[in-house]
């Protein structure tokens, strides 16, 4: 099984922000994801992870929240794409689109 999870999580309370910036808090989250060994891709608006189970994906969310749980208010948005009998979709989904685009360029 492949569980793709795209999420964003950041504090909205002033006690955890540096003015308008939340990069210090987001960096803590990305650091623990990196150390977890889970495949991930950082994007400007969030992070995409891939796990083998829903339980693993939710454990990453809990781990991420633990990094900023001292904040008075936290915003988070999550999107899942769960598919059986597949793996490595973090790369193969992009490769599939790039393959189609390459065909269009060559024609």
N, C-alpha and C. Protein backbone atom coordinates (compact mmCIF):
# COMPACT_ATOMS: atom_id res chain seq x y z
N UNK A 1 0.85 -1.18 0.00
CA UNK A 1 0.00 0.00 0.00
C UNK A 1 0.89 1.24 0.00
N UNK A 2 0.39 2.28 -0.59
CA UNK A 2 1.08 3.57 -0.58
C UNK A 2 0.11 4.63 -0.05
N UNK A 3 0.54 5.29 1.00
CA UNK A 3 -0.24 6.40 1.56
C UNK A 3 0.53 7.67 1.29
N UNK A 4 0.01 8.48 0.37
CA UNK A 4 0.58 9.81 0.14
C UNK A 4 -0.20 10.79 1.00
N UNK A 5 0.51 11.60 1.72
CA UNK A 5 -0.11 12.60 2.58
C UNK A 5 0.55 13.94 2.32
N UNK A 6 -0.24 14.88 1.86
CA UNK A 6 0.24 16.25 1.70
C UNK A 6 -0.33 17.04 2.87
N UNK A 7 0.56 17.69 3.61
CA UNK A 7 0.05 18.46 4.74
C UNK A 7 0.86 19.73 4.95
N UNK A 8 0.20 20.65 5.61
CA UNK A 8 0.87 21.85 6.10
C UNK A 8 0.48 21.99 7.56
N UNK A 9 1.42 22.47 8.34
CA UNK A 9 1.18 22.66 9.78
C UNK A 9 2.06 23.81 10.23
N UNK A 10 1.44 24.78 10.86
CA UNK A 10 2.22 25.91 11.34
C UNK A 10 1.45 26.66 12.42
N UNK A 11 2.16 27.36 13.30
CA UNK A 11 1.49 28.11 14.36
C UNK A 11 0.87 29.39 13.81
N UNK A 12 -0.27 29.74 14.35
CA UNK A 12 -0.88 31.02 14.01
C UNK A 12 -0.82 31.99 15.18
N UNK A 13 -0.42 31.51 16.33
CA UNK A 13 -0.36 32.36 17.52
C UNK A 13 0.95 33.14 17.57
N UNK A 14 0.88 34.31 18.14
CA UNK A 14 2.06 35.19 18.20
C UNK A 14 3.17 34.65 19.09
N UNK A 15 2.85 33.75 20.02
CA UNK A 15 3.89 33.24 20.92
C UNK A 15 4.88 32.31 20.21
N UNK A 16 4.58 31.92 18.97
CA UNK A 16 5.47 31.01 18.24
C UNK A 16 5.87 31.53 16.87
N UNK A 17 5.66 32.80 16.63
CA UNK A 17 5.98 33.37 15.32
C UNK A 17 7.06 34.43 15.47
N UNK A 18 7.82 34.59 14.42
CA UNK A 18 8.79 35.67 14.33
C UNK A 18 8.23 36.68 13.35
N UNK A 19 7.37 37.56 13.84
CA UNK A 19 6.67 38.47 12.95
C UNK A 19 5.71 37.68 12.08
N UNK A 20 5.85 37.82 10.76
CA UNK A 20 5.01 37.08 9.83
C UNK A 20 5.57 35.71 9.49
N UNK A 21 6.78 35.42 9.90
CA UNK A 21 7.46 34.19 9.51
C UNK A 21 7.15 33.02 10.45
N UNK A 22 6.97 31.85 9.86
CA UNK A 22 6.81 30.62 10.62
C UNK A 22 7.89 29.60 10.24
N UNK A 23 8.89 30.04 9.52
CA UNK A 23 9.90 29.11 9.01
C UNK A 23 10.68 28.41 10.12
N UNK A 24 10.91 29.05 11.24
CA UNK A 24 11.63 28.40 12.34
C UNK A 24 10.84 27.20 12.86
N UNK A 25 9.54 27.36 13.00
CA UNK A 25 8.69 26.27 13.49
C UNK A 25 8.54 25.17 12.44
N UNK A 26 8.35 25.57 11.19
CA UNK A 26 8.21 24.59 10.11
C UNK A 26 9.51 23.80 9.95
N UNK A 27 10.64 24.44 10.14
CA UNK A 27 11.93 23.75 10.05
C UNK A 27 12.05 22.64 11.08
N UNK A 28 11.50 22.85 12.26
CA UNK A 28 11.51 21.79 13.28
C UNK A 28 10.73 20.57 12.80
N UNK A 29 9.61 20.82 12.14
CA UNK A 29 8.78 19.73 11.63
C UNK A 29 9.51 18.98 10.52
N UNK A 30 10.07 19.71 9.58
CA UNK A 30 10.78 19.07 8.47
C UNK A 30 11.97 18.27 8.98
N UNK A 31 12.64 18.77 10.00
CA UNK A 31 13.78 18.08 10.56
C UNK A 31 13.39 16.71 11.13
N UNK A 32 12.29 16.64 11.85
CA UNK A 32 11.89 15.34 12.42
C UNK A 32 11.39 14.39 11.33
N UNK A 33 10.77 14.93 10.29
CA UNK A 33 10.36 14.07 9.17
C UNK A 33 11.60 13.48 8.51
N UNK A 34 12.59 14.32 8.28
CA UNK A 34 13.83 13.86 7.67
C UNK A 34 14.50 12.77 8.51
N UNK A 35 14.55 12.99 9.81
CA UNK A 35 15.18 12.02 10.71
C UNK A 35 14.36 10.73 10.85
N UNK A 36 13.08 10.77 10.52
CA UNK A 36 12.23 9.58 10.63
C UNK A 36 12.54 8.55 9.55
N UNK A 37 13.13 8.99 8.46
CA UNK A 37 13.43 8.09 7.36
C UNK A 37 12.31 7.92 6.36
N UNK A 38 11.18 8.57 6.59
CA UNK A 38 10.04 8.51 5.67
C UNK A 38 10.38 9.32 4.42
N UNK A 39 9.99 8.80 3.26
CA UNK A 39 10.19 9.55 2.02
C UNK A 39 9.31 10.80 2.06
N UNK A 40 9.90 11.93 1.68
CA UNK A 40 9.13 13.17 1.71
C UNK A 40 9.63 14.14 0.65
N UNK A 41 8.79 15.13 0.36
CA UNK A 41 9.16 16.20 -0.55
C UNK A 41 8.60 17.50 0.02
N UNK A 42 9.48 18.43 0.26
CA UNK A 42 9.09 19.76 0.74
C UNK A 42 8.63 20.60 -0.44
N UNK A 43 7.52 21.31 -0.27
CA UNK A 43 7.02 22.22 -1.30
C UNK A 43 6.84 23.59 -0.66
N UNK A 44 6.62 24.63 -1.46
CA UNK A 44 6.44 25.96 -0.87
C UNK A 44 5.21 26.08 0.03
N UNK A 45 4.23 25.21 -0.17
CA UNK A 45 2.98 25.32 0.58
C UNK A 45 2.75 24.17 1.55
N UNK A 46 3.70 23.25 1.67
CA UNK A 46 3.51 22.11 2.56
C UNK A 46 4.57 21.05 2.32
N UNK A 47 4.27 19.86 2.81
CA UNK A 47 5.17 18.72 2.68
C UNK A 47 4.35 17.51 2.28
N UNK A 48 4.91 16.70 1.39
CA UNK A 48 4.28 15.46 0.97
C UNK A 48 5.13 14.32 1.51
N UNK A 49 4.49 13.36 2.19
CA UNK A 49 5.18 12.18 2.68
C UNK A 49 4.56 10.95 2.05
N UNK A 50 5.32 9.84 2.02
CA UNK A 50 4.77 8.57 1.58
C UNK A 50 5.11 7.51 2.61
N UNK A 51 4.09 6.80 3.05
CA UNK A 51 4.26 5.71 4.01
C UNK A 51 3.57 4.46 3.48
N UNK A 52 3.81 3.35 4.15
CA UNK A 52 3.18 2.08 3.76
C UNK A 52 1.80 1.90 4.38
N UNK A 53 1.52 2.62 5.46
CA UNK A 53 0.24 2.46 6.15
C UNK A 53 -0.30 3.82 6.61
N UNK A 54 -1.59 3.84 6.85
CA UNK A 54 -2.22 5.04 7.40
C UNK A 54 -1.69 5.32 8.80
N UNK A 55 -1.47 4.27 9.56
CA UNK A 55 -0.97 4.42 10.92
C UNK A 55 0.38 5.15 10.92
N UNK A 56 1.26 4.80 9.99
CA UNK A 56 2.56 5.48 9.89
C UNK A 56 2.39 6.94 9.51
N UNK A 57 1.48 7.22 8.58
CA UNK A 57 1.24 8.60 8.16
C UNK A 57 0.73 9.45 9.33
N UNK A 58 -0.21 8.89 10.08
CA UNK A 58 -0.76 9.63 11.22
C UNK A 58 0.27 9.80 12.33
N UNK A 59 1.20 8.85 12.45
CA UNK A 59 2.27 8.98 13.44
C UNK A 59 3.19 10.16 13.07
N UNK A 60 3.40 10.38 11.78
CA UNK A 60 4.20 11.53 11.34
C UNK A 60 3.48 12.83 11.68
N UNK A 61 2.18 12.85 11.52
CA UNK A 61 1.40 14.05 11.87
C UNK A 61 1.52 14.32 13.36
N UNK A 62 1.42 13.29 14.16
CA UNK A 62 1.56 13.46 15.61
C UNK A 62 2.96 13.95 15.97
N UNK A 63 3.96 13.37 15.33
CA UNK A 63 5.34 13.79 15.54
C UNK A 63 5.54 15.25 15.15
N UNK A 64 4.95 15.64 14.04
CA UNK A 64 5.04 17.03 13.59
C UNK A 64 4.40 17.97 14.62
N UNK A 65 3.22 17.61 15.09
CA UNK A 65 2.54 18.45 16.07
C UNK A 65 3.35 18.58 17.36
N UNK A 66 4.01 17.51 17.77
CA UNK A 66 4.81 17.55 19.00
C UNK A 66 5.91 18.61 18.92
N UNK A 67 6.34 18.95 17.72
CA UNK A 67 7.40 19.94 17.56
C UNK A 67 6.92 21.36 17.85
N UNK A 68 5.62 21.58 17.74
CA UNK A 68 5.10 22.94 17.94
C UNK A 68 3.94 22.96 18.93
N UNK A 69 3.84 21.93 19.77
CA UNK A 69 2.70 21.85 20.69
C UNK A 69 2.73 22.90 21.80
N UNK A 70 3.83 23.65 21.91
CA UNK A 70 3.87 24.73 22.88
C UNK A 70 3.21 26.01 22.37
N UNK A 71 2.80 25.98 21.13
CA UNK A 71 2.14 27.15 20.53
C UNK A 71 0.68 27.20 20.97
N UNK A 72 0.17 28.41 21.15
CA UNK A 72 -1.21 28.57 21.61
C UNK A 72 -2.23 28.13 20.55
N UNK A 73 -1.86 28.28 19.27
CA UNK A 73 -2.79 27.90 18.20
C UNK A 73 -2.00 27.39 17.01
N UNK A 74 -2.45 26.27 16.44
CA UNK A 74 -1.77 25.63 15.31
C UNK A 74 -2.79 25.37 14.21
N UNK A 75 -2.42 25.70 12.99
CA UNK A 75 -3.25 25.42 11.82
C UNK A 75 -2.66 24.21 11.09
N UNK A 76 -3.52 23.32 10.61
CA UNK A 76 -3.04 22.19 9.83
C UNK A 76 -4.08 21.81 8.79
N UNK A 77 -3.57 21.42 7.63
CA UNK A 77 -4.41 20.95 6.54
C UNK A 77 -3.80 19.65 6.02
N UNK A 78 -4.64 18.62 5.81
CA UNK A 78 -4.15 17.31 5.37
C UNK A 78 -4.95 16.81 4.18
N UNK A 79 -4.23 16.21 3.21
CA UNK A 79 -4.87 15.56 2.06
C UNK A 79 -4.22 14.19 1.88
N UNK A 80 -5.02 13.15 1.71
CA UNK A 80 -4.53 11.79 1.55
C UNK A 80 -4.84 11.25 0.15
N UNK A 81 -3.94 10.42 -0.37
CA UNK A 81 -4.18 9.62 -1.56
C UNK A 81 -3.68 8.22 -1.20
N UNK A 82 -4.61 7.30 -1.01
CA UNK A 82 -4.28 5.96 -0.52
C UNK A 82 -4.56 4.96 -1.64
N UNK A 83 -3.53 4.17 -1.95
CA UNK A 83 -3.68 3.21 -3.05
C UNK A 83 -3.02 1.88 -2.69
N UNK A 84 -3.75 0.81 -2.90
CA UNK A 84 -3.22 -0.54 -2.62
C UNK A 84 -2.34 -1.01 -3.77
N UNK A 85 -1.47 -1.96 -3.46
CA UNK A 85 -0.61 -2.64 -4.43
C UNK A 85 0.34 -1.72 -5.19
N UNK A 86 0.77 -0.66 -4.57
CA UNK A 86 1.74 0.24 -5.19
C UNK A 86 2.74 0.72 -4.15
N UNK A 87 3.83 1.26 -4.63
CA UNK A 87 4.86 1.86 -3.78
C UNK A 87 5.57 2.93 -4.59
N UNK A 88 6.33 3.75 -3.91
CA UNK A 88 7.19 4.75 -4.54
C UNK A 88 6.44 5.75 -5.41
N UNK A 89 5.21 6.06 -5.04
CA UNK A 89 4.40 6.99 -5.84
C UNK A 89 4.86 8.43 -5.72
N UNK A 90 5.64 8.73 -4.70
CA UNK A 90 6.18 10.08 -4.57
C UNK A 90 6.99 10.43 -5.81
N UNK A 91 7.63 9.45 -6.40
CA UNK A 91 8.42 9.65 -7.61
C UNK A 91 7.67 9.23 -8.87
N UNK A 92 6.97 8.10 -8.82
CA UNK A 92 6.37 7.57 -10.04
C UNK A 92 5.21 8.41 -10.57
N UNK A 93 4.49 9.07 -9.68
CA UNK A 93 3.38 9.94 -10.15
C UNK A 93 3.93 11.12 -10.95
N UNK A 94 5.03 11.67 -10.50
CA UNK A 94 5.66 12.78 -11.22
C UNK A 94 6.24 12.29 -12.53
N UNK A 95 6.91 11.14 -12.49
CA UNK A 95 7.51 10.57 -13.70
C UNK A 95 6.45 10.28 -14.75
N UNK A 96 5.28 9.84 -14.34
CA UNK A 96 4.20 9.56 -15.27
C UNK A 96 3.74 10.81 -16.01
N UNK A 97 3.61 11.90 -15.31
CA UNK A 97 3.20 13.17 -15.93
C UNK A 97 4.32 13.69 -16.84
N UNK A 98 5.56 13.59 -16.38
CA UNK A 98 6.69 14.05 -17.20
C UNK A 98 6.80 13.24 -18.49
N UNK A 99 6.48 11.96 -18.43
CA UNK A 99 6.50 11.11 -19.62
C UNK A 99 5.47 11.60 -20.63
N UNK A 100 4.28 11.90 -20.17
CA UNK A 100 3.24 12.39 -21.06
C UNK A 100 3.64 13.75 -21.64
N UNK A 101 4.19 14.62 -20.84
CA UNK A 101 4.64 15.93 -21.33
C UNK A 101 5.73 15.80 -22.37
N UNK A 102 6.63 14.87 -22.19
CA UNK A 102 7.71 14.66 -23.13
C UNK A 102 7.17 14.20 -24.48
N UNK A 103 6.13 13.37 -24.45
CA UNK A 103 5.50 12.94 -25.71
C UNK A 103 4.91 14.12 -26.44
N UNK A 104 4.27 15.00 -25.72
CA UNK A 104 3.65 16.17 -26.34
C UNK A 104 4.70 17.10 -26.94
N UNK A 105 5.82 17.24 -26.29
CA UNK A 105 6.88 18.11 -26.78
C UNK A 105 7.46 17.55 -28.07
N UNK A 106 7.57 16.22 -28.16
CA UNK A 106 8.18 15.59 -29.32
C UNK A 106 7.23 15.51 -30.53
N UNK A 107 5.97 15.77 -30.35
CA UNK A 107 5.01 15.68 -31.47
C UNK A 107 4.64 17.01 -32.02
